[in-house]
N, C-alpha and C. Protein backbone atom coordinates (compact mmCIF):
# COMPACT_ATOMS: atom_id res chain seq x y z
N MET A 1 -5.17 -24.76 -12.09
CA MET A 1 -4.69 -23.47 -12.31
C MET A 1 -5.63 -22.62 -11.35
N ASP A 2 -5.08 -21.89 -10.54
CA ASP A 2 -5.94 -20.74 -10.11
C ASP A 2 -6.51 -19.21 -11.20
N SER A 3 -7.51 -18.91 -10.85
CA SER A 3 -7.64 -17.53 -11.99
C SER A 3 -7.19 -16.87 -10.76
N ILE A 4 -7.24 -15.35 -11.45
CA ILE A 4 -6.52 -14.30 -10.87
C ILE A 4 -7.09 -13.27 -10.88
N LYS A 5 -8.38 -12.81 -10.20
CA LYS A 5 -9.32 -12.09 -10.22
C LYS A 5 -9.03 -10.37 -9.40
N SER A 6 -8.99 -9.49 -10.40
CA SER A 6 -8.45 -8.28 -10.17
C SER A 6 -9.72 -7.08 -9.59
N VAL A 7 -9.69 -6.33 -8.66
CA VAL A 7 -10.93 -5.39 -8.62
C VAL A 7 -10.43 -4.06 -8.43
N PHE A 8 -11.14 -2.43 -9.14
CA PHE A 8 -10.38 -1.76 -8.93
C PHE A 8 -11.28 -0.57 -8.95
N THR A 9 -11.05 -0.03 -7.05
CA THR A 9 -12.33 1.45 -6.84
C THR A 9 -11.55 2.56 -6.52
N VAL A 10 -12.22 3.50 -6.91
CA VAL A 10 -11.79 4.49 -6.89
C VAL A 10 -12.64 5.82 -6.17
N PHE A 11 -12.18 5.95 -5.13
CA PHE A 11 -13.79 6.99 -4.35
C PHE A 11 -12.69 8.12 -3.64
N PHE A 12 -13.49 9.46 -3.31
CA PHE A 12 -13.00 10.39 -2.78
C PHE A 12 -12.72 10.34 -0.98
N GLU A 13 -11.61 10.34 -0.95
CA GLU A 13 -10.85 10.27 0.45
C GLU A 13 -10.91 11.84 0.61
N ASP A 14 -11.69 12.80 1.56
CA ASP A 14 -11.26 14.12 1.54
C ASP A 14 -9.65 14.10 2.38
N PRO A 15 -8.82 15.41 1.00
CA PRO A 15 -9.14 15.84 0.14
C PRO A 15 -8.63 15.39 -0.91
N PHE A 16 -8.76 14.17 -1.28
CA PHE A 16 -7.82 13.42 -2.58
C PHE A 16 -8.88 11.95 -3.05
N TRP A 17 -8.44 12.10 -4.08
CA TRP A 17 -8.99 10.86 -4.70
C TRP A 17 -8.59 9.74 -4.59
N VAL A 18 -8.67 8.74 -3.74
CA VAL A 18 -8.07 7.11 -4.05
C VAL A 18 -8.53 6.33 -4.66
N GLY A 19 -7.59 5.32 -5.14
CA GLY A 19 -7.73 4.14 -5.56
C GLY A 19 -7.26 2.67 -5.23
N ILE A 20 -8.21 1.88 -4.90
CA ILE A 20 -7.58 0.76 -4.20
C ILE A 20 -7.54 -0.73 -5.61
N PHE A 21 -6.00 -1.25 -5.57
CA PHE A 21 -6.43 -2.43 -6.25
C PHE A 21 -6.46 -3.10 -5.32
N GLU A 22 -7.01 -4.37 -6.12
CA GLU A 22 -7.68 -5.56 -4.77
C GLU A 22 -6.92 -6.79 -6.14
N ARG A 23 -6.27 -7.56 -5.81
CA ARG A 23 -5.89 -9.13 -6.47
C ARG A 23 -6.64 -9.97 -5.54
N THR A 24 -6.83 -11.15 -6.33
CA THR A 24 -6.95 -12.50 -5.25
C THR A 24 -7.06 -13.35 -6.75
N GLN A 25 -5.85 -14.71 -5.64
CA GLN A 25 -5.61 -15.43 -6.47
C GLN A 25 -6.03 -16.86 -5.54
N GLY A 26 -6.33 -17.71 -6.36
CA GLY A 26 -7.19 -19.06 -5.29
C GLY A 26 -7.50 -18.19 -3.47
N LYS A 27 -7.19 -18.42 -2.73
CA LYS A 27 -7.30 -18.08 -1.24
C LYS A 27 -6.39 -17.34 -1.02
N LYS A 28 -5.70 -16.44 -1.69
CA LYS A 28 -4.51 -15.22 -1.48
C LYS A 28 -5.19 -14.22 -1.91
N TYR A 29 -5.31 -12.87 -1.02
CA TYR A 29 -5.90 -11.90 -1.42
C TYR A 29 -4.53 -10.39 -1.05
N GLU A 30 -4.40 -9.78 -2.07
CA GLU A 30 -3.90 -8.41 -1.87
C GLU A 30 -4.27 -7.06 -2.04
N ALA A 31 -3.88 -6.08 -1.30
CA ALA A 31 -4.52 -4.66 -1.95
C ALA A 31 -2.81 -3.70 -2.13
N ALA A 32 -3.54 -2.74 -2.77
CA ALA A 32 -2.51 -1.89 -3.17
C ALA A 32 -3.71 -0.17 -2.91
N LYS A 33 -2.61 0.69 -2.52
CA LYS A 33 -4.00 1.99 -2.62
C LYS A 33 -2.92 2.95 -3.63
N VAL A 34 -3.52 3.68 -3.99
CA VAL A 34 -2.62 4.85 -4.77
C VAL A 34 -3.80 5.89 -4.73
N VAL A 35 -2.48 7.14 -4.39
CA VAL A 35 -3.65 8.44 -4.18
C VAL A 35 -3.21 8.93 -5.35
N PHE A 36 -4.67 9.20 -6.28
CA PHE A 36 -4.69 10.49 -7.23
C PHE A 36 -4.46 11.93 -7.31
N GLY A 37 -5.65 11.98 -6.04
CA GLY A 37 -5.27 13.56 -5.95
C GLY A 37 -6.17 14.19 -6.83
N ALA A 38 -6.85 14.80 -8.17
CA ALA A 38 -7.58 15.03 -8.64
C ALA A 38 -8.58 14.07 -9.21
N GLU A 39 -9.80 14.15 -9.20
CA GLU A 39 -10.28 13.02 -9.77
C GLU A 39 -10.15 12.37 -11.07
N PRO A 40 -9.56 11.24 -11.15
CA PRO A 40 -8.90 10.44 -12.46
C PRO A 40 -10.12 10.15 -13.48
N ALA A 41 -9.73 10.60 -14.93
CA ALA A 41 -10.50 9.67 -16.03
C ALA A 41 -10.21 8.28 -16.11
N ASN A 42 -11.14 7.73 -16.50
CA ASN A 42 -10.80 6.53 -16.95
C ASN A 42 -9.66 6.29 -17.65
N ALA A 43 -9.62 7.12 -19.03
CA ALA A 43 -8.25 6.62 -19.55
C ALA A 43 -7.13 6.85 -19.03
N GLU A 44 -6.78 7.98 -18.02
CA GLU A 44 -5.80 8.40 -16.75
C GLU A 44 -5.30 7.19 -16.15
N ILE A 45 -6.68 6.17 -15.72
CA ILE A 45 -6.44 5.12 -14.73
C ILE A 45 -6.00 4.13 -15.64
N TYR A 46 -6.00 4.00 -16.74
CA TYR A 46 -5.97 2.74 -17.75
C TYR A 46 -4.43 3.22 -17.72
N GLU A 47 -4.09 4.23 -18.25
CA GLU A 47 -2.75 4.26 -18.55
C GLU A 47 -1.73 4.76 -17.22
N PHE A 48 -2.36 4.78 -16.00
CA PHE A 48 -1.36 4.68 -15.16
C PHE A 48 -1.55 2.83 -14.54
N LEU A 49 -2.15 2.33 -15.31
CA LEU A 49 -2.22 0.38 -14.77
C LEU A 49 -1.04 0.20 -15.84
N LEU A 50 -1.12 0.60 -16.98
CA LEU A 50 -0.24 0.28 -17.98
C LEU A 50 1.14 0.50 -17.35
N ASN A 51 1.18 1.72 -16.97
CA ASN A 51 2.92 2.44 -16.51
C ASN A 51 3.67 1.84 -15.53
N ASN A 52 2.38 1.81 -14.03
CA ASN A 52 2.92 1.45 -13.19
C ASN A 52 2.60 0.46 -12.32
N TRP A 53 1.80 -0.59 -12.58
CA TRP A 53 1.26 -2.08 -12.54
C TRP A 53 3.01 -2.64 -11.64
N HIS A 54 3.73 -2.38 -12.46
CA HIS A 54 4.85 -3.39 -11.71
C HIS A 54 5.33 -2.46 -10.51
N ARG A 55 5.04 -1.43 -10.21
CA ARG A 55 5.61 -0.33 -9.22
C ARG A 55 4.68 -0.57 -7.75
N LEU A 56 3.65 -1.28 -7.75
CA LEU A 56 2.46 -1.03 -7.02
C LEU A 56 3.09 -1.82 -5.60
N ARG A 57 2.64 -1.05 -4.50
CA ARG A 57 3.14 -2.19 -3.40
C ARG A 57 2.01 -2.82 -2.89
N PHE A 58 1.62 -3.89 -2.87
CA PHE A 58 0.71 -4.30 -2.38
C PHE A 58 1.21 -4.78 -1.01
N SER A 59 0.30 -5.04 -0.31
CA SER A 59 0.22 -5.56 1.29
C SER A 59 0.28 -6.90 1.48
N PRO A 60 0.68 -7.78 1.95
CA PRO A 60 1.13 -8.86 2.46
C PRO A 60 -0.25 -9.61 2.05
N VAL A 61 0.39 -10.83 1.97
CA VAL A 61 -1.48 -12.05 1.11
C VAL A 61 -1.67 -12.10 2.65
N ILE A 62 -3.16 -11.92 2.77
CA ILE A 62 -3.87 -12.28 3.33
C ILE A 62 -4.55 -13.97 2.97
N ASP A 63 -5.18 -14.58 3.55
CA ASP A 63 -5.78 -15.97 3.36
C ASP A 63 -7.34 -15.59 3.40
N CYS A 64 -7.85 -16.08 2.60
CA CYS A 64 -9.33 -15.91 2.73
C CYS A 64 -10.01 -17.15 1.29
N GLU A 65 -11.61 -16.98 2.09
CA GLU A 65 -12.10 -18.67 1.68
C GLU A 65 -12.17 -17.94 0.08
N LYS A 66 -12.03 -19.18 -0.37
CA LYS A 66 -12.55 -19.45 -2.34
C LYS A 66 -13.94 -19.03 -2.24
N SER A 67 -14.30 -17.86 -2.95
CA SER A 67 -15.49 -18.22 -3.57
C SER A 67 -16.13 -18.58 -4.62
N ASP A 68 -17.17 -18.91 -4.57
CA ASP A 68 -17.70 -19.84 -5.80
C ASP A 68 -18.04 -18.72 -7.00
N GLU A 69 -17.62 -18.32 -7.68
CA GLU A 69 -18.14 -17.22 -8.66
C GLU A 69 -18.79 -18.15 -9.51
N LYS A 70 -20.11 -17.28 -9.48
CA LYS A 70 -21.22 -18.04 -10.66
C LYS A 70 -21.58 -16.81 -11.79
N LYS A 71 -22.33 -17.44 -12.85
CA LYS A 71 -22.58 -15.90 -13.82
C LYS A 71 -23.43 -15.49 -12.76
N ILE A 72 -23.78 -13.77 -12.84
CA ILE A 72 -24.79 -12.86 -12.81
C ILE A 72 -25.52 -12.79 -13.36
N ASN A 73 -26.30 -12.57 -13.03
CA ASN A 73 -27.57 -11.28 -14.07
C ASN A 73 -26.79 -10.30 -14.26
N PRO A 74 -26.80 -9.35 -15.92
CA PRO A 74 -26.19 -8.15 -15.69
C PRO A 74 -26.66 -7.11 -15.02
N LYS A 75 -28.18 -7.19 -14.60
CA LYS A 75 -29.13 -6.32 -14.20
C LYS A 75 -28.60 -6.13 -12.46
N ARG A 76 -28.52 -7.32 -11.89
CA ARG A 76 -28.42 -7.30 -10.65
C ARG A 76 -27.21 -7.32 -10.28
N MET A 77 -25.98 -7.50 -11.25
CA MET A 77 -24.44 -7.06 -11.36
C MET A 77 -24.22 -5.24 -11.67
N GLN A 78 -25.15 -4.44 -12.56
CA GLN A 78 -25.52 -3.51 -12.23
C GLN A 78 -25.88 -2.39 -11.06
N ARG A 79 -26.66 -3.33 -10.37
CA ARG A 79 -27.05 -2.94 -9.04
C ARG A 79 -26.12 -3.02 -7.75
N GLU A 80 -25.60 -3.67 -7.86
CA GLU A 80 -24.32 -4.36 -7.05
C GLU A 80 -23.86 -3.20 -7.39
N ILE A 81 -23.10 -3.02 -8.58
CA ILE A 81 -21.99 -2.07 -8.59
C ILE A 81 -22.54 -0.55 -8.36
N ASN A 82 -23.29 -0.39 -8.48
CA ASN A 82 -24.00 1.11 -8.20
C ASN A 82 -24.22 1.13 -6.76
N LYS A 83 -24.38 -0.15 -6.24
CA LYS A 83 -23.88 0.17 -4.29
C LYS A 83 -22.89 0.09 -4.00
N GLN A 84 -21.60 -0.30 -4.67
CA GLN A 84 -20.32 -0.24 -4.10
C GLN A 84 -20.16 1.32 -4.85
N VAL A 85 -20.65 1.73 -5.92
CA VAL A 85 -20.19 3.04 -5.85
C VAL A 85 -20.90 4.01 -5.29
N SER A 86 -21.87 3.85 -4.66
CA SER A 86 -22.30 4.70 -3.17
C SER A 86 -21.96 4.80 -2.45
N SER A 87 -21.63 3.54 -1.65
CA SER A 87 -20.81 3.14 -0.79
C SER A 87 -19.59 3.95 -0.10
N PRO A 88 -19.15 4.31 0.73
CA PRO A 88 -18.22 5.75 0.78
C PRO A 88 -16.49 4.44 1.17
N TYR A 89 -16.15 3.55 1.24
CA TYR A 89 -15.35 2.47 1.00
C TYR A 89 -15.34 1.06 0.51
N SER A 90 -14.14 0.61 0.15
CA SER A 90 -14.18 -0.88 -1.05
C SER A 90 -14.81 -1.95 0.13
N GLY A 91 -13.92 -2.10 1.59
CA GLY A 91 -14.65 -3.25 2.19
C GLY A 91 -13.41 -3.68 3.33
N THR A 92 -13.61 -4.76 3.87
CA THR A 92 -13.16 -5.04 5.47
C THR A 92 -12.37 -5.61 4.58
N LYS A 93 -11.66 -6.57 4.09
CA LYS A 93 -10.38 -7.31 3.29
C LYS A 93 -9.80 -5.82 3.41
N SER A 94 -10.18 -5.21 2.20
CA SER A 94 -8.87 -4.27 1.79
C SER A 94 -8.49 -3.24 2.59
N GLN A 95 -9.26 -2.93 3.57
CA GLN A 95 -9.16 -2.59 5.09
C GLN A 95 -8.04 -2.87 5.62
N GLN A 96 -8.18 -4.27 5.76
CA GLN A 96 -6.77 -5.10 6.54
C GLN A 96 -5.81 -5.31 5.87
N ALA A 97 -5.71 -5.28 4.62
CA ALA A 97 -5.02 -5.42 3.79
C ALA A 97 -3.57 -4.23 3.80
N MET A 98 -5.06 -2.76 3.89
CA MET A 98 -4.22 -1.71 3.93
C MET A 98 -3.66 -1.26 4.91
N LYS A 99 -4.14 -1.74 5.95
CA LYS A 99 -3.73 -1.58 7.34
C LYS A 99 -2.23 -2.68 7.72
N LEU A 100 -2.52 -3.52 7.28
CA LEU A 100 -0.81 -4.60 6.58
C LEU A 100 0.03 -3.62 6.38
N LEU A 101 -0.32 -3.16 5.28
CA LEU A 101 0.94 -2.67 4.63
C LEU A 101 1.41 -1.19 5.34
N GLN A 102 0.45 -0.52 6.38
CA GLN A 102 0.70 0.48 6.43
C GLN A 102 1.38 0.01 7.62
N GLU A 103 1.03 -0.93 8.55
CA GLU A 103 1.91 -1.22 9.44
C GLU A 103 3.35 -1.80 9.12
N GLN A 104 3.47 -2.64 8.04
CA GLN A 104 4.58 -2.90 7.70
C GLN A 104 5.86 -2.13 7.06
N ASN A 105 5.32 -0.51 6.70
CA ASN A 105 5.77 0.10 6.42
C ASN A 105 6.65 1.11 7.10
N LYS A 106 5.83 1.08 8.66
CA LYS A 106 5.97 1.85 9.89
C LYS A 106 7.07 1.04 10.51
N LEU A 107 6.95 0.08 10.40
CA LEU A 107 8.10 -0.89 11.00
C LEU A 107 9.45 -0.49 10.17
N GLU A 108 9.41 -0.57 8.76
CA GLU A 108 10.21 0.08 8.14
C GLU A 108 10.97 0.97 8.38
N HIS A 109 10.26 1.79 8.82
CA HIS A 109 10.71 3.13 8.78
C HIS A 109 11.28 3.23 10.47
N LYS A 110 10.49 2.90 11.23
CA LYS A 110 11.33 2.91 12.47
C LYS A 110 12.87 2.28 12.58
N GLU A 111 12.81 1.02 11.85
CA GLU A 111 14.00 0.38 11.88
C GLU A 111 15.38 1.41 10.73
N ARG A 112 14.63 1.73 10.18
CA ARG A 112 15.82 2.57 9.43
C ARG A 112 16.18 4.05 10.60
N SER A 113 14.59 4.92 11.02
CA SER A 113 15.34 5.95 11.83
C SER A 113 16.39 5.57 12.94
N ARG A 114 16.22 4.28 13.21
CA ARG A 114 16.83 3.80 14.40
C ARG A 114 18.29 3.49 13.94
N GLU A 115 18.71 2.59 13.16
CA GLU A 115 19.82 2.59 12.49
C GLU A 115 20.64 3.86 12.00
N GLU A 116 19.80 5.15 11.73
CA GLU A 116 20.27 6.52 11.46
C GLU A 116 20.78 7.07 12.48
N ARG A 117 20.18 7.09 13.67
CA ARG A 117 20.49 7.36 15.01
C ARG A 117 21.50 7.00 16.11
N GLU A 118 21.44 5.24 15.52
CA GLU A 118 22.63 5.33 16.30
C GLU A 118 23.74 5.01 15.71
N ALA A 119 23.74 5.72 14.19
CA ALA A 119 25.59 5.75 13.55
C ALA A 119 25.64 6.96 13.62
N GLU A 120 24.39 8.03 13.84
CA GLU A 120 25.09 9.53 14.27
C GLU A 120 25.67 9.30 15.75
N LYS A 121 25.29 8.58 16.92
CA LYS A 121 25.98 8.34 17.82
C LYS A 121 27.11 8.04 17.63
N GLU A 122 27.38 7.03 16.71
CA GLU A 122 28.56 6.74 16.33
C GLU A 122 29.84 7.57 15.98
N ARG A 123 29.36 8.34 15.12
CA ARG A 123 30.01 9.35 14.43
C ARG A 123 30.20 10.40 15.69
N GLN A 124 29.22 10.67 16.44
CA GLN A 124 29.26 11.78 17.59
C GLN A 124 30.50 11.24 18.37
N PHE A 125 30.38 9.87 18.59
CA PHE A 125 31.62 9.09 19.90
C PHE A 125 32.78 9.63 19.35
N SER A 126 33.24 9.07 17.91
CA SER A 126 34.44 8.92 17.46
C SER A 126 34.93 10.33 17.11
N LEU A 127 33.94 11.44 16.85
CA LEU A 127 34.49 12.86 16.98
C LEU A 127 35.37 13.52 17.87
N ARG A 128 34.76 13.07 18.98
CA ARG A 128 34.71 13.16 20.65
C ARG A 128 36.08 12.70 20.93
N GLN A 129 36.32 11.14 20.51
CA GLN A 129 37.80 10.65 20.95
C GLN A 129 38.79 11.28 20.15
N GLU A 130 38.40 11.42 19.00
CA GLU A 130 39.69 11.89 17.95
C GLU A 130 39.93 13.46 19.09
N LYS A 131 38.86 14.29 19.29
CA LYS A 131 39.20 15.63 19.75
C LYS A 131 40.03 15.57 21.26
N LYS A 132 39.88 14.02 21.94
CA LYS A 132 40.03 14.12 23.28
C LYS A 132 41.46 13.11 22.66
N LEU A 133 42.04 12.59 21.76
CA LEU A 133 43.45 12.54 21.58
C LEU A 133 44.22 13.30 20.69
N LYS A 134 43.78 14.62 20.09
CA LYS A 134 44.34 15.46 20.08
C LYS A 134 44.80 16.61 21.08
N ARG A 135 44.04 16.78 21.90
CA ARG A 135 44.22 17.24 23.17
C ARG A 135 45.01 16.83 24.07
N HIS A 136 45.02 15.33 23.97
CA HIS A 136 46.20 14.85 24.94
C HIS A 136 47.99 14.79 24.25
N LYS A 137 47.41 14.84 22.97
CA LYS A 137 49.08 15.08 22.39
C LYS A 137 49.60 16.25 22.37
N GLY A 138 48.50 17.22 22.64
CA GLY A 138 48.87 18.42 22.47
C GLY A 138 49.18 19.23 21.22
N HIS A 139 48.41 18.84 20.64
CA HIS A 139 48.36 19.61 19.45
C HIS A 139 47.18 20.46 19.24
């Protein structure tokens, strides 16, 4: 059974604080983006996770190579964490996943708006037909 690895990164993307949830299971990678507004405290992030984890919209699954996780020296891990904290963005895999999610949302919105437009055209057409019939009958 594959283990699930989750990473959460918070960074400032002018003018809001943004969080990226990344989860990896085996060779499957997914990411979700959350906009917080003001800088969230650790307790607020934890509470958000507990209350809203099931509502997060993760990106479509991206296949990635399975990395061999090794025990890392605590000092090395701290240096890597500090390097990640100082970098402006979380990484290319999460960027790709967020881009996929954005494209998927854009396609859904496009489809929905097209259907609404067509429904409105149908409604207008039927109104014109009714008017035409009323005029023809002499009402």
